[in-house]
Amino acid sequence: MGIMNRGVVYGLWDYSNDNSDELAFHEGDCMTIVRREDEDEIEWWWARMGETEGYIPRNLLGEPPSLHQQKPPELL
């Protein structure tokens, strides 16, 4: 995750930042991974959402929904 789809990931749950270098997001928000783990940190990734960047907890992220996984629209 965070490598395919041009680094695009989605928030699976809401997250409120605890520190100023963290990025707050809501369920469904789209973010782009700028930098994955380094030698000091493997659970947090650096991401961009709009014009804002910050650390995000990778365990709250998911991949973009696949077109094959989407439910067909209901017919009236």
PDB file of N, CA and C in Angstrom:
ATOM      1  N   MET A   1       0.842  -1.169   0.000  1.00  0.00           N
ATOM      2  CA  MET A   1       0.000   0.000   0.000  1.00  0.00           C
ATOM      3  C   MET A   1       0.895   1.242   0.000  1.00  0.00           C
ATOM      4  N   GLY A   2       0.420   2.280  -0.646  1.00  0.00           N
ATOM      5  CA  GLY A   2       1.188   3.508  -0.696  1.00  0.00           C
ATOM      6  C   GLY A   2       2.219   3.536  -1.800  1.00  0.00           C
ATOM      7  N   ILE A   3       2.339   2.430  -2.548  1.00  0.00           N
ATOM      8  CA  ILE A   3       3.268   2.381  -3.674  1.00  0.00           C
ATOM      9  C   ILE A   3       2.475   2.377  -4.973  1.00  0.00           C
ATOM     10  N   MET A   4       1.500   1.484  -5.046  1.00  0.00           N
ATOM     11  CA  MET A   4       0.659   1.412  -6.231  1.00  0.00           C
ATOM     12  C   MET A   4      -0.295   2.601  -6.245  1.00  0.00           C
ATOM     13  N   ASN A   5      -1.005   2.769  -7.334  1.00  0.00           N
ATOM     14  CA  ASN A   5      -2.001   3.839  -7.470  1.00  0.00           C
ATOM     15  C   ASN A   5      -1.399   5.218  -7.239  1.00  0.00           C
ATOM     16  N   ARG A   6      -0.136   5.378  -7.662  1.00  0.00           N
ATOM     17  CA  ARG A   6       0.569   6.662  -7.530  1.00  0.00           C
ATOM     18  C   ARG A   6       0.619   7.154  -6.092  1.00  0.00           C
ATOM     19  N   GLY A   7       0.629   6.224  -5.161  1.00  0.00           N
ATOM     20  CA  GLY A   7       0.732   6.581  -3.752  1.00  0.00           C
ATOM     21  C   GLY A   7      -0.553   7.076  -3.129  1.00  0.00           C
ATOM     22  N   VAL A   8      -1.676   6.940  -3.838  1.00  0.00           N
ATOM     23  CA  VAL A   8      -2.953   7.427  -3.323  1.00  0.00           C
ATOM     24  C   VAL A   8      -3.533   6.422  -2.331  1.00  0.00           C
ATOM     25  N   VAL A   9      -3.911   6.922  -1.170  1.00  0.00           N
ATOM     26  CA  VAL A   9      -4.556   6.112  -0.133  1.00  0.00           C
ATOM     27  C   VAL A   9      -5.773   6.880   0.385  1.00  0.00           C
ATOM     28  N   TYR A  10      -6.624   6.171   1.106  1.00  0.00           N
ATOM     29  CA  TYR A  10      -7.835   6.766   1.663  1.00  0.00           C
ATOM     30  C   TYR A  10      -7.904   6.493   3.159  1.00  0.00           C
ATOM     31  N   GLY A  11      -8.464   7.445   3.885  1.00  0.00           N
ATOM     32  CA  GLY A  11      -8.680   7.246   5.311  1.00  0.00           C
ATOM     33  C   GLY A  11      -9.803   6.250   5.539  1.00  0.00           C
ATOM     34  N   LEU A  12      -9.549   5.223   6.340  1.00  0.00           N
ATOM     35  CA  LEU A  12     -10.582   4.239   6.659  1.00  0.00           C
ATOM     36  C   LEU A  12     -11.423   4.677   7.850  1.00  0.00           C
ATOM     37  N   TRP A  13     -10.869   5.541   8.689  1.00  0.00           N
ATOM     38  CA  TRP A  13     -11.546   6.080   9.859  1.00  0.00           C
ATOM     39  C   TRP A  13     -11.118   7.529  10.025  1.00  0.00           C
ATOM     40  N   ASP A  14     -11.815   8.264  10.864  1.00  0.00           N
ATOM     41  CA  ASP A  14     -11.414   9.626  11.202  1.00  0.00           C
ATOM     42  C   ASP A  14     -10.167   9.574  12.078  1.00  0.00           C
ATOM     43  N   TYR A  15      -9.311  10.578  11.912  1.00  0.00           N
ATOM     44  CA  TYR A  15      -8.125  10.688  12.764  1.00  0.00           C
ATOM     45  C   TYR A  15      -7.908  12.154  13.114  1.00  0.00           C
ATOM     46  N   SER A  16      -7.838  12.462  14.399  1.00  0.00           N
ATOM     47  CA  SER A  16      -7.527  13.808  14.882  1.00  0.00           C
ATOM     48  C   SER A  16      -6.056  13.842  15.256  1.00  0.00           C
ATOM     49  N   ASN A  17      -5.361  14.828  14.730  1.00  0.00           N
ATOM     50  CA  ASN A  17      -3.925  14.899  15.006  1.00  0.00           C
ATOM     51  C   ASN A  17      -3.662  15.263  16.464  1.00  0.00           C
ATOM     52  N   ASP A  18      -2.682  14.577  17.049  1.00  0.00           N
ATOM     53  CA  ASP A  18      -2.261  14.848  18.421  1.00  0.00           C
ATOM     54  C   ASP A  18      -1.086  15.819  18.469  1.00  0.00           C
ATOM     55  N   ASN A  19      -0.316  15.887  17.381  1.00  0.00           N
ATOM     56  CA  ASN A  19       0.868  16.750  17.311  1.00  0.00           C
ATOM     57  C   ASN A  19       0.794  17.621  16.064  1.00  0.00           C
ATOM     58  N   SER A  20       1.523  18.715  16.074  1.00  0.00           N
ATOM     59  CA  SER A  20       1.461  19.671  14.966  1.00  0.00           C
ATOM     60  C   SER A  20       2.023  19.121  13.659  1.00  0.00           C
ATOM     61  N   ASP A  21       2.853  18.068  13.722  1.00  0.00           N
ATOM     62  CA  ASP A  21       3.408  17.507  12.489  1.00  0.00           C
ATOM     63  C   ASP A  21       2.570  16.351  11.937  1.00  0.00           C
ATOM     64  N   GLU A  22       1.387  16.124  12.528  1.00  0.00           N
ATOM     65  CA  GLU A  22       0.489  15.073  12.059  1.00  0.00           C
ATOM     66  C   GLU A  22      -0.640  15.678  11.229  1.00  0.00           C
ATOM     67  N   LEU A  23      -1.152  14.891  10.306  1.00  0.00           N
ATOM     68  CA  LEU A  23      -2.211  15.321   9.408  1.00  0.00           C
ATOM     69  C   LEU A  23      -3.537  14.715   9.869  1.00  0.00           C
ATOM     70  N   ALA A  24      -4.505  15.554  10.201  1.00  0.00           N
ATOM     71  CA  ALA A  24      -5.838  15.067  10.573  1.00  0.00           C
ATOM     72  C   ALA A  24      -6.610  14.750   9.298  1.00  0.00           C
ATOM     73  N   PHE A  25      -7.454  13.705   9.356  1.00  0.00           N
ATOM     74  CA  PHE A  25      -8.267  13.360   8.186  1.00  0.00           C
ATOM     75  C   PHE A  25      -9.549  12.678   8.633  1.00  0.00           C
ATOM     76  N   HIS A  26     -10.477  12.579   7.695  1.00  0.00           N
ATOM     77  CA  HIS A  26     -11.764  11.932   7.937  1.00  0.00           C
ATOM     78  C   HIS A  26     -11.864  10.670   7.098  1.00  0.00           C
ATOM     79  N   GLU A  27     -12.754   9.796   7.485  1.00  0.00           N
ATOM     80  CA  GLU A  27     -13.010   8.586   6.706  1.00  0.00           C
ATOM     81  C   GLU A  27     -13.339   8.978   5.263  1.00  0.00           C
ATOM     82  N   GLY A  28     -12.645   8.354   4.325  1.00  0.00           N
ATOM     83  CA  GLY A  28     -12.874   8.620   2.909  1.00  0.00           C
ATOM     84  C   GLY A  28     -11.988   9.691   2.309  1.00  0.00           C
ATOM     85  N   ASP A  29     -11.255  10.454   3.140  1.00  0.00           N
ATOM     86  CA  ASP A  29     -10.355  11.479   2.604  1.00  0.00           C
ATOM     87  C   ASP A  29      -9.256  10.832   1.773  1.00  0.00           C
ATOM     88  N   CYS A  30      -8.933  11.469   0.662  1.00  0.00           N
ATOM     89  CA  CYS A  30      -7.896  10.989  -0.248  1.00  0.00           C
ATOM     90  C   CYS A  30      -6.580  11.701   0.066  1.00  0.00           C
ATOM     91  N   MET A  31      -5.505  10.930   0.206  1.00  0.00           N
ATOM     92  CA  MET A  31      -4.179  11.475   0.498  1.00  0.00           C
ATOM     93  C   MET A  31      -3.152  10.819  -0.411  1.00  0.00           C
ATOM     94  N   THR A  32      -2.038  11.494  -0.613  1.00  0.00           N
ATOM     95  CA  THR A  32      -0.940  10.952  -1.406  1.00  0.00           C
ATOM     96  C   THR A  32       0.262  10.741  -0.498  1.00  0.00           C
ATOM     97  N   ILE A  33       0.801   9.531  -0.521  1.00  0.00           N
ATOM     98  CA  ILE A  33       1.983   9.227   0.283  1.00  0.00           C
ATOM     99  C   ILE A  33       3.198   9.880  -0.359  1.00  0.00           C
ATOM    100  N   VAL A  34       3.876  10.712   0.399  1.00  0.00           N
ATOM    101  CA  VAL A  34       5.086  11.391  -0.067  1.00  0.00           C
ATOM    102  C   VAL A  34       6.319  10.588   0.325  1.00  0.00           C
ATOM    103  N   ARG A  35       6.305  10.057   1.548  1.00  0.00           N
ATOM    104  CA  ARG A  35       7.451   9.293   2.053  1.00  0.00           C
ATOM    105  C   ARG A  35       6.942   8.194   2.974  1.00  0.00           C
ATOM    106  N   ARG A  36       7.401   6.997   2.718  1.00  0.00           N
ATOM    107  CA  ARG A  36       7.026   5.872   3.567  1.00  0.00           C
ATOM    108  C   ARG A  36       8.023   5.762   4.709  1.00  0.00           C
ATOM    109  N   GLU A  37       8.051   4.629   5.360  1.00  0.00           N
ATOM    110  CA  GLU A  37       8.874   4.417   6.548  1.00  0.00           C
ATOM    111  C   GLU A  37      10.344   4.789   6.341  1.00  0.00           C
ATOM    112  N   ASP A  38      11.002   5.128   7.430  1.00  0.00           N
ATOM    113  CA  ASP A  38      12.446   5.360   7.419  1.00  0.00           C
ATOM    114  C   ASP A  38      13.058   4.554   8.562  1.00  0.00           C
ATOM    115  N   GLU A  39      14.322   4.784   8.849  1.00  0.00           N
ATOM    116  CA  GLU A  39      14.999   3.977   9.870  1.00  0.00           C
ATOM    117  C   GLU A  39      14.456   4.218  11.281  1.00  0.00           C
ATOM    118  N   ASP A  40      13.820   5.363  11.497  1.00  0.00           N
ATOM    119  CA  ASP A  40      13.300   5.682  12.827  1.00  0.00           C
ATOM    120  C   ASP A  40      11.807   5.403  12.992  1.00  0.00           C
ATOM    121  N   GLU A  41      11.075   5.402  11.903  1.00  0.00           N
ATOM    122  CA  GLU A  41       9.615   5.305  12.007  1.00  0.00           C
ATOM    123  C   GLU A  41       9.041   4.425  10.909  1.00  0.00           C
ATOM    124  N   ILE A  42       8.333   3.356  11.316  1.00  0.00           N
ATOM    125  CA  ILE A  42       7.728   2.477  10.318  1.00  0.00           C
ATOM    126  C   ILE A  42       6.200   2.505  10.371  1.00  0.00           C
ATOM    127  N   GLU A  43       5.629   2.997  11.453  1.00  0.00           N
ATOM    128  CA  GLU A  43       4.174   3.001  11.605  1.00  0.00           C
ATOM    129  C   GLU A  43       3.512   4.279  11.098  1.00  0.00           C
ATOM    130  N   TRP A  44       4.302   5.295  10.814  1.00  0.00           N
ATOM    131  CA  TRP A  44       3.777   6.579  10.353  1.00  0.00           C
ATOM    132  C   TRP A  44       4.390   6.921   9.004  1.00  0.00           C
ATOM    133  N   TRP A  45       3.562   7.402   8.080  1.00  0.00           N
ATOM    134  CA  TRP A  45       4.022   7.828   6.755  1.00  0.00           C
ATOM    135  C   TRP A  45       3.766   9.320   6.597  1.00  0.00           C
ATOM    136  N   TRP A  46       4.585   9.961   5.770  1.00  0.00           N
ATOM    137  CA  TRP A  46       4.414  11.377   5.477  1.00  0.00           C
ATOM    138  C   TRP A  46       3.505  11.480   4.256  1.00  0.00           C
ATOM    139  N   ALA A  47       2.429  12.268   4.367  1.00  0.00           N
ATOM    140  CA  ALA A  47       1.438  12.335   3.293  1.00  0.00           C
ATOM    141  C   ALA A  47       1.029  13.774   3.017  1.00  0.00           C
ATOM    142  N   ARG A  48       0.417  13.960   1.849  1.00  0.00           N
ATOM    143  CA  ARG A  48      -0.102  15.265   1.436  1.00  0.00           C
ATOM    144  C   ARG A  48      -1.601  15.121   1.186  1.00  0.00           C
ATOM    145  N   MET A  49      -2.348  16.077   1.707  1.00  0.00           N
ATOM    146  CA  MET A  49      -3.777  16.165   1.422  1.00  0.00           C
ATOM    147  C   MET A  49      -4.058  17.620   1.075  1.00  0.00           C
ATOM    148  N   GLY A  50      -4.329  17.875  -0.186  1.00  0.00           N
ATOM    149  CA  GLY A  50      -4.475  19.255  -0.641  1.00  0.00           C
ATOM    150  C   GLY A  50      -3.137  19.962  -0.541  1.00  0.00           C
ATOM    151  N   GLU A  51      -3.100  21.063   0.163  1.00  0.00           N
ATOM    152  CA  GLU A  51      -1.866  21.833   0.347  1.00  0.00           C
ATOM    153  C   GLU A  51      -1.176  21.524   1.674  1.00  0.00           C
ATOM    154  N   THR A  52      -1.721  20.586   2.436  1.00  0.00           N
ATOM    155  CA  THR A  52      -1.210  20.279   3.771  1.00  0.00           C
ATOM    156  C   THR A  52      -0.468  18.953   3.774  1.00  0.00           C
ATOM    157  N   GLU A  53       0.635  18.895   4.508  1.00  0.00           N
ATOM    158  CA  GLU A  53       1.412  17.665   4.656  1.00  0.00           C
ATOM    159  C   GLU A  53       1.612  17.355   6.134  1.00  0.00           C
ATOM    160  N   GLY A  54       1.791  16.067   6.426  1.00  0.00           N
ATOM    161  CA  GLY A  54       2.067  15.661   7.792  1.00  0.00           C
ATOM    162  C   GLY A  54       2.119  14.154   7.911  1.00  0.00           C
ATOM    163  N   TYR A  55       2.463  13.693   9.112  1.00  0.00           N
ATOM    164  CA  TYR A  55       2.500  12.256   9.381  1.00  0.00           C
ATOM    165  C   TYR A  55       1.081  11.720   9.533  1.00  0.00           C
ATOM    166  N   ILE A  56       0.866  10.501   9.033  1.00  0.00           N
ATOM    167  CA  ILE A  56      -0.410   9.812   9.199  1.00  0.00           C
ATOM    168  C   ILE A  56      -0.129   8.379   9.650  1.00  0.00           C
ATOM    169  N   PRO A  57      -0.978   7.827  10.515  1.00  0.00           N
ATOM    170  CA  PRO A  57      -0.781   6.445  10.960  1.00  0.00           C
ATOM    171  C   PRO A  57      -1.200   5.476   9.851  1.00  0.00           C
ATOM    172  N   ARG A  58      -0.289   4.650   9.397  1.00  0.00           N
ATOM    173  CA  ARG A  58      -0.559   3.802   8.237  1.00  0.00           C
ATOM    174  C   ARG A  58      -1.629   2.754   8.498  1.00  0.00           C
ATOM    175  N   ASN A  59      -1.869   2.404   9.750  1.00  0.00           N
ATOM    176  CA  ASN A  59      -2.884   1.389  10.043  1.00  0.00           C
ATOM    177  C   ASN A  59      -4.311   1.910   9.875  1.00  0.00           C
ATOM    178  N   LEU A  60      -4.487   3.196   9.610  1.00  0.00           N
ATOM    179  CA  LEU A  60      -5.815   3.763   9.378  1.00  0.00           C
ATOM    180  C   LEU A  60      -6.062   4.058   7.907  1.00  0.00           C
ATOM    181  N   LEU A  61      -5.213   3.507   7.027  1.00  0.00           N
ATOM    182  CA  LEU A  61      -5.284   3.809   5.597  1.00  0.00           C
ATOM    183  C   LEU A  61      -5.723   2.609   4.786  1.00  0.00           C
ATOM    184  N   GLY A  62      -6.321   2.879   3.638  1.00  0.00           N
ATOM    185  CA  GLY A  62      -6.715   1.828   2.711  1.00  0.00           C
ATOM    186  C   GLY A  62      -6.449   2.268   1.285  1.00  0.00           C
ATOM    187  N   GLU A  63      -6.526   1.317   0.374  1.00  0.00           N
ATOM    188  CA  GLU A  63      -6.300   1.601  -1.038  1.00  0.00           C
ATOM    189  C   GLU A  63      -7.576   2.140  -1.670  1.00  0.00           C
ATOM    190  N   PRO A  64      -7.427   2.786  -2.832  1.00  0.00           N
ATOM    191  CA  PRO A  64      -8.615   3.284  -3.530  1.00  0.00           C
ATOM    192  C   PRO A  64      -9.556   2.135  -3.865  1.00  0.00           C
ATOM    193  N   PRO A  65     -10.857   2.380  -3.808  1.00  0.00           N
ATOM    194  CA  PRO A  65     -11.799   1.309  -4.143  1.00  0.00           C
ATOM    195  C   PRO A  65     -11.656   0.902  -5.603  1.00  0.00           C
ATOM    196  N   SER A  66     -11.732  -0.376  -5.849  1.00  0.00           N
ATOM    197  CA  SER A  66     -11.640  -0.908  -7.206  1.00  0.00           C
ATOM    198  C   SER A  66     -12.991  -0.786  -7.888  1.00  0.00           C
ATOM    199  N   LEU A  67     -12.966  -0.528  -9.176  1.00  0.00           N
ATOM    200  CA  LEU A  67     -14.212  -0.467  -9.929  1.00  0.00           C
ATOM    201  C   LEU A  67     -14.937  -1.802  -9.888  1.00  0.00           C
ATOM    202  N   HIS A  68     -14.190  -2.892  -9.792  1.00  0.00           N
ATOM    203  CA  HIS A  68     -14.790  -4.219  -9.758  1.00  0.00           C
ATOM    204  C   HIS A  68     -15.453  -4.507  -8.418  1.00  0.00           C
ATOM    205  N   GLN A  69     -15.074  -3.786  -7.385  1.00  0.00           N
ATOM    206  CA  GLN A  69     -15.624  -4.031  -6.059  1.00  0.00           C
ATOM    207  C   GLN A  69     -16.855  -3.184  -5.771  1.00  0.00           C
ATOM    208  N   GLN A  70     -17.090  -2.166  -6.596  1.00  0.00           N
ATOM    209  CA  GLN A  70     -18.214  -1.287  -6.342  1.00  0.00           C
ATOM    210  C   GLN A  70     -19.520  -1.997  -6.671  1.00  0.00           C
ATOM    211  N   LYS A  71     -20.541  -1.703  -5.894  1.00  0.00           N
ATOM    212  CA  LYS A  71     -21.849  -2.287  -6.131  1.00  0.00           C
ATOM    213  C   LYS A  71     -22.495  -1.600  -7.330  1.00  0.00           C
ATOM    214  N   PRO A  72     -23.203  -2.352  -8.156  1.00  0.00           N
ATOM    215  CA  PRO A  72     -23.901  -1.713  -9.276  1.00  0.00           C
ATOM    216  C   PRO A  72     -25.028  -0.834  -8.759  1.00  0.00           C
ATOM    217  N   PRO A  73     -25.351   0.242  -9.484  1.00  0.00           N
ATOM    218  CA  PRO A  73     -26.440   1.109  -9.024  1.00  0.00           C
ATOM    219  C   PRO A  73     -27.760   0.353  -9.055  1.00  0.00           C
ATOM    220  N   GLU A  74     -28.619   0.692  -8.116  1.00  0.00           N
ATOM    221  CA  GLU A  74     -29.923   0.036  -8.057  1.00  0.00           C
ATOM    222  C   GLU A  74     -30.816   0.580  -9.162  1.00  0.00           C
ATOM    223  N   LEU A  75     -31.552  -0.306  -9.756  1.00  0.00           N
ATOM    224  CA  LEU A  75     -32.498   0.097 -10.791  1.00  0.00           C
ATOM    225  C   LEU A  75     -33.820   0.479 -10.145  1.00  0.00           C
ATOM    226  N   LEU A  76     -34.434   1.505 -10.664  1.00  0.00           N
ATOM    227  CA  LEU A  76     -35.728   1.938 -10.116  1.00  0.00           C
ATOM    228  C   LEU A  76     -36.850   1.130 -10.710  1.00  0.00           C
TER     229      LEU A  76
END
